[in-house]
Amino acid sequence: MNLAELHRRSCEHFGAHLRAVRQDQWTAPTPCADWDVRTLVNHVVGEDLWTAPLMAGATIEEVGDRFDGDVLGSDPVAAYTGAADAAVDAVSADGALGRTVHLSFGDVPGEEYAWQLFADHLIHGWDLAQAIGADDRLDPELVAACARWFAENEDNYRGAGAVAARPEVPAGADEQTVLLAAFGRRASNDVR
């Protein structure tokens, strides 16, 4: 499975949980400290809005503050759908993964940025499932791909403060539990 396909599938996974959010769940807590469901979804939609211009070569300065604040409006599902579709198109465009992407911490290959986007949608999809009481099982293929990529990057992300401390993992834990721990989450975390 190629990276663009992994990204697309992780976006679909997140979107499926988003479409299940009830009106009374937008202020529910998530496994992400200080984020409720709306804040989590706003973060992911904002990230998706940034994807197309960054993959096209824009700098942070060129994008400016146009995606600051509330990007969900009155219809978070529609906001996500439009932003995610554009992000998927940007990641899967010819040559996108070979381009240089200008991020806040420096320039990276488009492929590295796409791995980050894939992982963020996958893990935040689990966060959203936890928050709304949905089935939080992740696609084993996506888990395996993310685990392989993140094994080489975990220390850098943790050192930069991008992920929380790794909780203890029980002996014999499944690959999803191990992956979630790498991202600073406890598989048994129930925030409902």
N, C-alpha and C. Protein backbone atom coordinates (compact mmCIF):
# COMPACT_ATOMS: atom_id res chain seq x y z
N MET A 1 0.85 -1.18 0.00
CA MET A 1 0.00 0.00 0.00
C MET A 1 0.90 1.24 0.00
N ASN A 2 0.60 2.18 -0.88
CA ASN A 2 1.45 3.37 -0.93
C ASN A 2 1.01 4.41 0.10
N LEU A 3 1.86 5.38 0.32
CA LEU A 3 1.64 6.38 1.35
C LEU A 3 0.40 7.22 1.10
N ALA A 4 0.17 7.60 -0.14
CA ALA A 4 -1.03 8.39 -0.44
C ALA A 4 -2.30 7.61 -0.08
N GLU A 5 -2.28 6.30 -0.32
CA GLU A 5 -3.42 5.46 0.03
C GLU A 5 -3.58 5.35 1.56
N LEU A 6 -2.47 5.22 2.26
CA LEU A 6 -2.53 5.20 3.73
C LEU A 6 -3.15 6.49 4.25
N HIS A 7 -2.71 7.61 3.70
CA HIS A 7 -3.24 8.91 4.12
C HIS A 7 -4.75 8.99 3.84
N ARG A 8 -5.15 8.59 2.64
CA ARG A 8 -6.57 8.63 2.29
C ARG A 8 -7.40 7.79 3.24
N ARG A 9 -6.92 6.59 3.54
CA ARG A 9 -7.67 5.70 4.43
C ARG A 9 -7.74 6.25 5.85
N SER A 10 -6.68 6.89 6.32
CA SER A 10 -6.72 7.46 7.67
C SER A 10 -7.68 8.64 7.72
N CYS A 11 -7.77 9.39 6.63
CA CYS A 11 -8.75 10.49 6.57
C CYS A 11 -10.18 9.94 6.58
N GLU A 12 -10.40 8.86 5.86
CA GLU A 12 -11.73 8.23 5.87
C GLU A 12 -12.08 7.72 7.26
N HIS A 13 -11.12 7.14 7.92
CA HIS A 13 -11.32 6.63 9.29
C HIS A 13 -11.75 7.77 10.22
N PHE A 14 -11.03 8.88 10.17
CA PHE A 14 -11.38 10.02 11.01
C PHE A 14 -12.77 10.53 10.65
N GLY A 15 -13.04 10.66 9.36
CA GLY A 15 -14.33 11.17 8.91
C GLY A 15 -15.50 10.30 9.34
N ALA A 16 -15.30 9.00 9.36
CA ALA A 16 -16.38 8.10 9.80
C ALA A 16 -16.76 8.38 11.25
N HIS A 17 -15.76 8.58 12.10
CA HIS A 17 -16.06 8.90 13.50
C HIS A 17 -16.67 10.29 13.63
N LEU A 18 -16.19 11.23 12.82
CA LEU A 18 -16.73 12.58 12.88
C LEU A 18 -18.22 12.58 12.54
N ARG A 19 -18.61 11.83 11.54
CA ARG A 19 -20.02 11.80 11.15
C ARG A 19 -20.91 11.18 12.23
N ALA A 20 -20.30 10.48 13.19
CA ALA A 20 -21.07 9.85 14.28
C ALA A 20 -21.21 10.75 15.51
N VAL A 21 -20.56 11.92 15.51
CA VAL A 21 -20.63 12.81 16.67
C VAL A 21 -22.04 13.36 16.81
N ARG A 22 -22.61 13.16 18.00
CA ARG A 22 -23.94 13.72 18.30
C ARG A 22 -23.79 15.17 18.76
N GLN A 23 -24.85 15.93 18.64
CA GLN A 23 -24.83 17.34 19.05
C GLN A 23 -24.36 17.53 20.49
N ASP A 24 -24.72 16.60 21.37
CA ASP A 24 -24.35 16.76 22.78
C ASP A 24 -22.92 16.31 23.07
N GLN A 25 -22.17 15.90 22.05
CA GLN A 25 -20.81 15.40 22.28
C GLN A 25 -19.71 16.38 21.89
N TRP A 26 -20.05 17.52 21.33
CA TRP A 26 -19.02 18.45 20.87
C TRP A 26 -18.16 19.00 22.00
N THR A 27 -18.67 19.00 23.20
CA THR A 27 -17.87 19.50 24.34
C THR A 27 -17.33 18.36 25.20
N ALA A 28 -17.47 17.13 24.73
CA ALA A 28 -16.96 15.97 25.48
C ALA A 28 -15.43 16.00 25.49
N PRO A 29 -14.82 15.57 26.59
CA PRO A 29 -13.35 15.53 26.66
C PRO A 29 -12.79 14.44 25.75
N THR A 30 -11.55 14.64 25.35
CA THR A 30 -10.85 13.65 24.53
C THR A 30 -9.59 13.22 25.28
N PRO A 31 -8.90 12.19 24.80
CA PRO A 31 -7.63 11.81 25.42
C PRO A 31 -6.54 12.89 25.28
N CYS A 32 -6.76 13.88 24.42
CA CYS A 32 -5.81 14.98 24.27
C CYS A 32 -6.07 16.01 25.37
N ALA A 33 -5.10 16.21 26.22
CA ALA A 33 -5.26 17.13 27.35
C ALA A 33 -5.76 18.50 26.86
N ASP A 34 -6.75 19.01 27.53
CA ASP A 34 -7.32 20.34 27.27
C ASP A 34 -8.09 20.47 25.96
N TRP A 35 -8.33 19.36 25.26
CA TRP A 35 -9.10 19.43 24.01
C TRP A 35 -10.41 18.69 24.18
N ASP A 36 -11.51 19.38 23.84
CA ASP A 36 -12.78 18.68 23.74
C ASP A 36 -12.94 18.24 22.28
N VAL A 37 -14.06 17.61 21.96
CA VAL A 37 -14.26 17.07 20.62
C VAL A 37 -14.15 18.16 19.56
N ARG A 38 -14.80 19.29 19.79
CA ARG A 38 -14.76 20.37 18.79
C ARG A 38 -13.33 20.87 18.56
N THR A 39 -12.57 21.03 19.63
CA THR A 39 -11.19 21.50 19.51
C THR A 39 -10.34 20.50 18.74
N LEU A 40 -10.53 19.21 19.02
CA LEU A 40 -9.81 18.16 18.30
C LEU A 40 -10.14 18.19 16.81
N VAL A 41 -11.42 18.26 16.49
CA VAL A 41 -11.84 18.28 15.09
C VAL A 41 -11.32 19.56 14.41
N ASN A 42 -11.37 20.68 15.10
CA ASN A 42 -10.86 21.93 14.54
C ASN A 42 -9.37 21.81 14.21
N HIS A 43 -8.62 21.15 15.09
CA HIS A 43 -7.19 20.93 14.84
C HIS A 43 -6.99 20.13 13.56
N VAL A 44 -7.73 19.04 13.39
CA VAL A 44 -7.55 18.19 12.22
C VAL A 44 -7.99 18.91 10.95
N VAL A 45 -9.11 19.62 11.00
CA VAL A 45 -9.56 20.37 9.82
C VAL A 45 -8.54 21.46 9.47
N GLY A 46 -8.03 22.14 10.49
CA GLY A 46 -7.00 23.15 10.24
C GLY A 46 -5.78 22.55 9.57
N GLU A 47 -5.36 21.39 10.05
CA GLU A 47 -4.22 20.70 9.45
C GLU A 47 -4.50 20.36 7.99
N ASP A 48 -5.71 19.90 7.72
CA ASP A 48 -6.07 19.57 6.34
C ASP A 48 -6.09 20.82 5.45
N LEU A 49 -6.54 21.93 5.98
CA LEU A 49 -6.55 23.17 5.21
C LEU A 49 -5.13 23.61 4.84
N TRP A 50 -4.19 23.39 5.74
CA TRP A 50 -2.79 23.73 5.48
C TRP A 50 -2.15 22.82 4.43
N THR A 51 -2.64 21.60 4.29
CA THR A 51 -1.96 20.59 3.48
C THR A 51 -1.78 21.01 2.03
N ALA A 52 -2.84 21.45 1.36
CA ALA A 52 -2.74 21.78 -0.07
C ALA A 52 -1.73 22.90 -0.33
N PRO A 53 -1.81 24.03 0.38
CA PRO A 53 -0.82 25.06 0.07
C PRO A 53 0.62 24.65 0.42
N LEU A 54 0.80 23.92 1.51
CA LEU A 54 2.15 23.50 1.87
C LEU A 54 2.70 22.49 0.87
N MET A 55 1.87 21.55 0.44
CA MET A 55 2.31 20.57 -0.56
C MET A 55 2.59 21.24 -1.91
N ALA A 56 1.97 22.39 -2.15
CA ALA A 56 2.21 23.13 -3.39
C ALA A 56 3.44 24.03 -3.30
N GLY A 57 4.09 24.06 -2.12
CA GLY A 57 5.33 24.82 -1.98
C GLY A 57 5.22 26.11 -1.21
N ALA A 58 4.03 26.46 -0.72
CA ALA A 58 3.88 27.70 0.04
C ALA A 58 4.64 27.61 1.36
N THR A 59 5.05 28.75 1.86
CA THR A 59 5.71 28.82 3.17
C THR A 59 4.66 29.14 4.23
N ILE A 60 5.03 28.97 5.47
CA ILE A 60 4.15 29.32 6.59
C ILE A 60 3.77 30.80 6.49
N GLU A 61 4.74 31.64 6.17
CA GLU A 61 4.49 33.08 6.06
C GLU A 61 3.51 33.39 4.94
N GLU A 62 3.62 32.68 3.83
CA GLU A 62 2.71 32.92 2.70
C GLU A 62 1.28 32.51 3.04
N VAL A 63 1.12 31.44 3.79
CA VAL A 63 -0.23 31.01 4.19
C VAL A 63 -0.78 31.98 5.23
N GLY A 64 0.10 32.44 6.10
CA GLY A 64 -0.30 33.44 7.09
C GLY A 64 -1.27 32.90 8.12
N ASP A 65 -2.22 33.73 8.50
CA ASP A 65 -3.14 33.36 9.58
C ASP A 65 -4.52 32.96 9.08
N ARG A 66 -4.63 32.66 7.79
CA ARG A 66 -5.97 32.41 7.24
C ARG A 66 -6.66 31.17 7.81
N PHE A 67 -5.90 30.27 8.44
CA PHE A 67 -6.51 29.08 9.02
C PHE A 67 -6.48 29.11 10.55
N ASP A 68 -6.27 30.28 11.12
CA ASP A 68 -6.29 30.42 12.58
C ASP A 68 -7.74 30.45 13.08
N GLY A 69 -7.92 30.10 14.33
CA GLY A 69 -9.24 30.19 14.95
C GLY A 69 -10.16 29.05 14.54
N ASP A 70 -11.45 29.32 14.60
CA ASP A 70 -12.46 28.30 14.31
C ASP A 70 -12.59 28.13 12.81
N VAL A 71 -12.23 26.94 12.32
CA VAL A 71 -12.35 26.66 10.89
C VAL A 71 -13.54 25.73 10.61
N LEU A 72 -14.32 25.42 11.65
CA LEU A 72 -15.43 24.48 11.50
C LEU A 72 -16.74 25.15 11.10
N GLY A 73 -16.95 26.38 11.56
CA GLY A 73 -18.21 27.05 11.28
C GLY A 73 -19.39 26.30 11.87
N SER A 74 -20.52 26.41 11.22
CA SER A 74 -21.74 25.78 11.75
C SER A 74 -21.92 24.34 11.29
N ASP A 75 -21.07 23.87 10.37
CA ASP A 75 -21.19 22.51 9.85
C ASP A 75 -19.81 21.83 9.85
N PRO A 76 -19.38 21.32 11.01
CA PRO A 76 -18.06 20.70 11.10
C PRO A 76 -17.85 19.53 10.13
N VAL A 77 -18.88 18.76 9.86
CA VAL A 77 -18.73 17.63 8.94
C VAL A 77 -18.42 18.14 7.53
N ALA A 78 -19.14 19.15 7.07
CA ALA A 78 -18.88 19.71 5.75
C ALA A 78 -17.49 20.35 5.71
N ALA A 79 -17.11 21.04 6.78
CA ALA A 79 -15.78 21.65 6.82
C ALA A 79 -14.70 20.58 6.71
N TYR A 80 -14.88 19.48 7.43
CA TYR A 80 -13.90 18.40 7.37
C TYR A 80 -13.87 17.77 5.97
N THR A 81 -15.03 17.49 5.43
CA THR A 81 -15.11 16.81 4.14
C THR A 81 -14.38 17.61 3.07
N GLY A 82 -14.65 18.90 3.00
CA GLY A 82 -13.99 19.74 2.00
C GLY A 82 -12.49 19.82 2.20
N ALA A 83 -12.07 20.01 3.46
CA ALA A 83 -10.64 20.14 3.76
C ALA A 83 -9.92 18.81 3.54
N ALA A 84 -10.52 17.71 3.98
CA ALA A 84 -9.89 16.40 3.84
C ALA A 84 -9.79 16.00 2.37
N ASP A 85 -10.83 16.26 1.59
CA ASP A 85 -10.77 15.94 0.16
C ASP A 85 -9.63 16.69 -0.52
N ALA A 86 -9.47 17.98 -0.19
CA ALA A 86 -8.39 18.78 -0.77
C ALA A 86 -7.03 18.25 -0.33
N ALA A 87 -6.93 17.85 0.94
CA ALA A 87 -5.66 17.32 1.46
C ALA A 87 -5.31 16.00 0.78
N VAL A 88 -6.29 15.13 0.63
CA VAL A 88 -6.05 13.84 -0.04
C VAL A 88 -5.60 14.09 -1.47
N ASP A 89 -6.24 15.01 -2.17
CA ASP A 89 -5.83 15.33 -3.54
C ASP A 89 -4.40 15.87 -3.57
N ALA A 90 -4.05 16.72 -2.61
CA ALA A 90 -2.71 17.31 -2.57
C ALA A 90 -1.64 16.26 -2.32
N VAL A 91 -1.91 15.33 -1.41
CA VAL A 91 -0.93 14.29 -1.08
C VAL A 91 -0.78 13.31 -2.24
N SER A 92 -1.86 13.03 -2.96
CA SER A 92 -1.81 12.03 -4.03
C SER A 92 -1.43 12.63 -5.39
N ALA A 93 -1.26 13.95 -5.47
CA ALA A 93 -0.90 14.59 -6.74
C ALA A 93 0.46 14.10 -7.22
N ASP A 94 0.61 14.04 -8.53
CA ASP A 94 1.89 13.61 -9.12
C ASP A 94 3.03 14.45 -8.57
N GLY A 95 4.05 13.79 -8.07
CA GLY A 95 5.25 14.45 -7.58
C GLY A 95 5.16 15.06 -6.20
N ALA A 96 4.00 15.00 -5.58
CA ALA A 96 3.82 15.66 -4.28
C ALA A 96 4.77 15.13 -3.21
N LEU A 97 4.95 13.84 -3.15
CA LEU A 97 5.78 13.26 -2.09
C LEU A 97 7.26 13.57 -2.28
N GLY A 98 7.66 13.97 -3.46
CA GLY A 98 9.05 14.32 -3.72
C GLY A 98 9.35 15.79 -3.57
N ARG A 99 8.33 16.60 -3.33
CA ARG A 99 8.53 18.04 -3.19
C ARG A 99 9.09 18.38 -1.81
N THR A 100 9.60 19.59 -1.68
CA THR A 100 10.02 20.11 -0.38
C THR A 100 8.84 20.85 0.23
N VAL A 101 8.55 20.55 1.48
CA VAL A 101 7.47 21.20 2.21
C VAL A 101 8.10 22.06 3.29
N HIS A 102 7.65 23.31 3.38
CA HIS A 102 8.19 24.27 4.34
C HIS A 102 7.30 24.29 5.58
N LEU A 103 7.77 23.64 6.64
CA LEU A 103 7.01 23.58 7.89
C LEU A 103 7.58 24.59 8.89
N SER A 104 6.91 24.74 10.01
CA SER A 104 7.34 25.73 11.00
C SER A 104 8.72 25.42 11.57
N PHE A 105 9.11 24.17 11.61
CA PHE A 105 10.40 23.78 12.18
C PHE A 105 11.48 23.54 11.13
N GLY A 106 11.14 23.74 9.85
CA GLY A 106 12.13 23.57 8.79
C GLY A 106 11.55 22.87 7.58
N ASP A 107 12.38 22.70 6.59
CA ASP A 107 11.97 22.06 5.34
C ASP A 107 12.08 20.54 5.47
N VAL A 108 11.07 19.85 4.95
CA VAL A 108 11.06 18.39 4.95
C VAL A 108 10.57 17.90 3.59
N PRO A 109 10.92 16.66 3.23
CA PRO A 109 10.36 16.10 2.01
C PRO A 109 8.83 15.92 2.14
N GLY A 110 8.14 16.05 1.03
CA GLY A 110 6.69 15.85 1.03
C GLY A 110 6.31 14.50 1.61
N GLU A 111 7.15 13.50 1.37
CA GLU A 111 6.87 12.17 1.91
C GLU A 111 6.82 12.19 3.44
N GLU A 112 7.76 12.87 4.06
CA GLU A 112 7.77 12.95 5.53
C GLU A 112 6.53 13.67 6.05
N TYR A 113 6.16 14.75 5.39
CA TYR A 113 4.95 15.49 5.78
C TYR A 113 3.72 14.60 5.65
N ALA A 114 3.64 13.82 4.58
CA ALA A 114 2.49 12.92 4.38
C ALA A 114 2.43 11.86 5.47
N TRP A 115 3.59 11.34 5.91
CA TRP A 115 3.59 10.39 7.02
C TRP A 115 3.02 11.05 8.28
N GLN A 116 3.40 12.28 8.53
CA GLN A 116 2.89 12.99 9.70
C GLN A 116 1.38 13.16 9.63
N LEU A 117 0.88 13.54 8.46
CA LEU A 117 -0.56 13.72 8.27
C LEU A 117 -1.31 12.40 8.46
N PHE A 118 -0.76 11.34 7.87
CA PHE A 118 -1.36 10.02 8.02
C PHE A 118 -1.47 9.64 9.49
N ALA A 119 -0.37 9.76 10.22
CA ALA A 119 -0.35 9.38 11.63
C ALA A 119 -1.30 10.24 12.44
N ASP A 120 -1.35 11.53 12.16
CA ASP A 120 -2.21 12.43 12.92
C ASP A 120 -3.68 12.06 12.74
N HIS A 121 -4.09 11.77 11.53
CA HIS A 121 -5.48 11.36 11.30
C HIS A 121 -5.79 10.03 11.97
N LEU A 122 -4.86 9.10 11.90
CA LEU A 122 -5.08 7.79 12.50
C LEU A 122 -5.23 7.90 14.01
N ILE A 123 -4.28 8.54 14.65
CA ILE A 123 -4.28 8.63 16.12
C ILE A 123 -5.42 9.52 16.60
N HIS A 124 -5.64 10.66 15.94
CA HIS A 124 -6.76 11.51 16.36
C HIS A 124 -8.11 10.86 16.05
N GLY A 125 -8.16 9.95 15.09
CA GLY A 125 -9.39 9.18 14.87
C GLY A 125 -9.68 8.30 16.07
N TRP A 126 -8.62 7.71 16.63
CA TRP A 126 -8.78 6.92 17.86
C TRP A 126 -9.23 7.83 19.00
N ASP A 127 -8.61 9.01 19.13
CA ASP A 127 -9.00 9.96 20.17
C ASP A 127 -10.49 10.30 20.06
N LEU A 128 -10.93 10.56 18.84
CA LEU A 128 -12.33 10.92 18.62
C LEU A 128 -13.24 9.75 18.97
N ALA A 129 -12.87 8.55 18.57
CA ALA A 129 -13.67 7.37 18.91
C ALA A 129 -13.79 7.23 20.43
N GLN A 130 -12.69 7.41 21.14
CA GLN A 130 -12.71 7.34 22.60
C GLN A 130 -13.68 8.37 23.17
N ALA A 131 -13.63 9.58 22.66
CA ALA A 131 -14.44 10.68 23.20
C ALA A 131 -15.93 10.46 23.00
N ILE A 132 -16.31 9.84 21.89
CA ILE A 132 -17.74 9.69 21.60
C ILE A 132 -18.26 8.30 21.91
N GLY A 133 -17.41 7.43 22.43
CA GLY A 133 -17.84 6.08 22.79
C GLY A 133 -18.03 5.16 21.61
N ALA A 134 -17.30 5.41 20.52
CA ALA A 134 -17.41 4.57 19.32
C ALA A 134 -16.38 3.44 19.38
N ASP A 135 -16.49 2.52 18.46
CA ASP A 135 -15.52 1.43 18.33
C ASP A 135 -14.16 2.05 18.03
N ASP A 136 -13.19 1.81 18.89
CA ASP A 136 -11.88 2.45 18.73
C ASP A 136 -10.83 1.54 18.11
N ARG A 137 -11.26 0.42 17.54
CA ARG A 137 -10.29 -0.46 16.87
C ARG A 137 -9.82 0.20 15.58
N LEU A 138 -8.52 0.21 15.39
CA LEU A 138 -7.92 0.78 14.20
C LEU A 138 -7.66 -0.32 13.18
N ASP A 139 -7.63 0.04 11.92
CA ASP A 139 -7.33 -0.89 10.85
C ASP A 139 -5.92 -1.43 11.07
N PRO A 140 -5.76 -2.75 11.20
CA PRO A 140 -4.44 -3.33 11.47
C PRO A 140 -3.38 -2.97 10.43
N GLU A 141 -3.76 -2.84 9.16
CA GLU A 141 -2.79 -2.43 8.14
C GLU A 141 -2.27 -1.02 8.40
N LEU A 142 -3.18 -0.13 8.79
CA LEU A 142 -2.77 1.25 9.07
C LEU A 142 -1.90 1.30 10.32
N VAL A 143 -2.27 0.51 11.33
CA VAL A 143 -1.48 0.45 12.56
C VAL A 143 -0.07 -0.03 12.26
N ALA A 144 0.06 -1.09 11.48
CA ALA A 144 1.38 -1.65 11.17
C ALA A 144 2.23 -0.64 10.41
N ALA A 145 1.65 0.04 9.43
CA ALA A 145 2.40 1.02 8.65
C ALA A 145 2.84 2.19 9.53
N CYS A 146 1.94 2.67 10.35
CA CYS A 146 2.26 3.79 11.24
C CYS A 146 3.33 3.40 12.25
N ALA A 147 3.23 2.20 12.78
CA ALA A 147 4.21 1.73 13.76
C ALA A 147 5.60 1.65 13.16
N ARG A 148 5.70 1.17 11.93
CA ARG A 148 7.02 1.08 11.26
C ARG A 148 7.62 2.47 11.09
N TRP A 149 6.81 3.41 10.62
CA TRP A 149 7.31 4.78 10.42
C TRP A 149 7.67 5.44 11.76
N PHE A 150 6.79 5.32 12.73
CA PHE A 150 6.99 6.06 13.98
C PHE A 150 8.12 5.49 14.82
N ALA A 151 8.44 4.22 14.64
CA ALA A 151 9.54 3.63 15.40
C ALA A 151 10.84 4.40 15.18
N GLU A 152 11.02 4.94 14.00
CA GLU A 152 12.23 5.70 13.69
C GLU A 152 12.12 7.17 14.08
N ASN A 153 10.94 7.62 14.45
CA ASN A 153 10.71 9.04 14.70
C ASN A 153 10.24 9.37 16.11
N GLU A 154 9.89 8.37 16.88
CA GLU A 154 9.29 8.60 18.20
C GLU A 154 10.15 9.48 19.09
N ASP A 155 11.44 9.20 19.18
CA ASP A 155 12.31 9.99 20.07
C ASP A 155 12.34 11.46 19.67
N ASN A 156 12.38 11.73 18.37
CA ASN A 156 12.38 13.12 17.91
C ASN A 156 11.07 13.83 18.27
N TYR A 157 9.96 13.16 18.08
CA TYR A 157 8.66 13.76 18.39
C TYR A 157 8.52 14.00 19.90
N ARG A 158 8.96 13.02 20.68
CA ARG A 158 8.86 13.17 22.12
C ARG A 158 9.80 14.29 22.59
N GLY A 159 11.00 14.33 22.04
CA GLY A 159 11.96 15.37 22.41
C GLY A 159 11.47 16.77 22.06
N ALA A 160 10.69 16.89 21.00
CA ALA A 160 10.14 18.19 20.59
C ALA A 160 8.85 18.53 21.35
N GLY A 161 8.38 17.61 22.20
CA GLY A 161 7.15 17.86 22.95
C GLY A 161 5.89 17.62 22.15
N ALA A 162 6.00 16.94 21.01
CA ALA A 162 4.84 16.72 20.15
C ALA A 162 3.98 15.55 20.62
N VAL A 163 4.54 14.65 21.42
CA VAL A 163 3.77 13.55 21.99
C VAL A 163 4.07 13.45 23.48
N ALA A 164 3.11 12.96 24.21
CA ALA A 164 3.24 12.83 25.67
C ALA A 164 4.17 11.67 26.01
N ALA A 165 4.48 11.57 27.28
CA ALA A 165 5.32 10.47 27.76
C ALA A 165 4.69 9.13 27.41
N ARG A 166 5.52 8.16 27.18
CA ARG A 166 5.05 6.82 26.80
C ARG A 166 4.59 6.10 28.07
N PRO A 167 3.32 5.72 28.14
CA PRO A 167 2.86 4.95 29.30
C PRO A 167 3.36 3.50 29.23
N GLU A 168 3.32 2.82 30.36
CA GLU A 168 3.70 1.41 30.37
C GLU A 168 2.71 0.62 29.53
N VAL A 169 3.24 -0.40 28.89
CA VAL A 169 2.42 -1.28 28.04
C VAL A 169 2.47 -2.66 28.66
N PRO A 170 1.32 -3.29 28.86
CA PRO A 170 1.33 -4.64 29.43
C PRO A 170 2.05 -5.63 28.53
N ALA A 171 2.66 -6.62 29.12
CA ALA A 171 3.33 -7.67 28.35
C ALA A 171 2.31 -8.32 27.42
N GLY A 172 2.73 -8.59 26.21
CA GLY A 172 1.85 -9.24 25.25
C GLY A 172 0.81 -8.33 24.63
N ALA A 173 0.96 -7.01 24.79
CA ALA A 173 -0.02 -6.08 24.24
C ALA A 173 -0.06 -6.18 22.72
N ASP A 174 -1.23 -5.93 22.15
CA ASP A 174 -1.35 -5.96 20.70
C ASP A 174 -0.68 -4.74 20.07
N GLU A 175 -0.54 -4.79 18.75
CA GLU A 175 0.19 -3.72 18.05
C GLU A 175 -0.49 -2.36 18.18
N GLN A 176 -1.82 -2.34 18.24
CA GLN A 176 -2.52 -1.06 18.41
C GLN A 176 -2.19 -0.45 19.76
N THR A 177 -2.19 -1.25 20.82
CA THR A 177 -1.87 -0.75 22.16
C THR A 177 -0.46 -0.20 22.20
N VAL A 178 0.47 -0.90 21.57
CA VAL A 178 1.87 -0.46 21.54
C VAL A 178 2.00 0.86 20.76
N LEU A 179 1.30 0.96 19.62
CA LEU A 179 1.35 2.19 18.84
C LEU A 179 0.77 3.36 19.62
N LEU A 180 -0.37 3.15 20.24
CA LEU A 180 -0.98 4.22 21.03
C LEU A 180 -0.05 4.68 22.14
N ALA A 181 0.63 3.75 22.78
CA ALA A 181 1.58 4.12 23.83
C ALA A 181 2.72 4.96 23.26
N ALA A 182 3.18 4.61 22.06
CA ALA A 182 4.24 5.39 21.43
C ALA A 182 3.80 6.84 21.24
N PHE A 183 2.51 7.04 21.01
CA PHE A 183 1.96 8.39 20.87
C PHE A 183 1.47 8.96 22.21
N GLY A 184 1.86 8.33 23.32
CA GLY A 184 1.53 8.86 24.64
C GLY A 184 0.11 8.58 25.11
N ARG A 185 -0.51 7.54 24.58
CA ARG A 185 -1.90 7.23 24.94
C ARG A 185 -1.99 5.84 25.56
N ARG A 186 -2.95 5.69 26.44
CA ARG A 186 -3.24 4.39 27.04
C ARG A 186 -4.46 3.81 26.33
N ALA A 187 -4.32 2.60 25.83
CA ALA A 187 -5.41 1.98 25.10
C ALA A 187 -6.64 1.82 25.96
N SER A 188 -6.47 1.70 27.26
CA SER A 188 -7.62 1.53 28.14
C SER A 188 -8.19 2.86 28.60
N ASN A 189 -7.63 3.97 28.10
CA ASN A 189 -8.11 5.30 28.49
C ASN A 189 -9.55 5.46 28.06
N ASP A 190 -10.42 5.70 29.00
CA ASP A 190 -11.84 5.89 28.70
C ASP A 190 -12.22 7.25 29.24
N VAL A 191 -12.43 8.22 28.38
CA VAL A 191 -12.72 9.58 28.80
C VAL A 191 -14.21 9.87 28.88
N ARG A 192 -15.03 8.87 28.58
CA ARG A 192 -16.48 9.11 28.62
C ARG A 192 -16.97 9.35 30.01
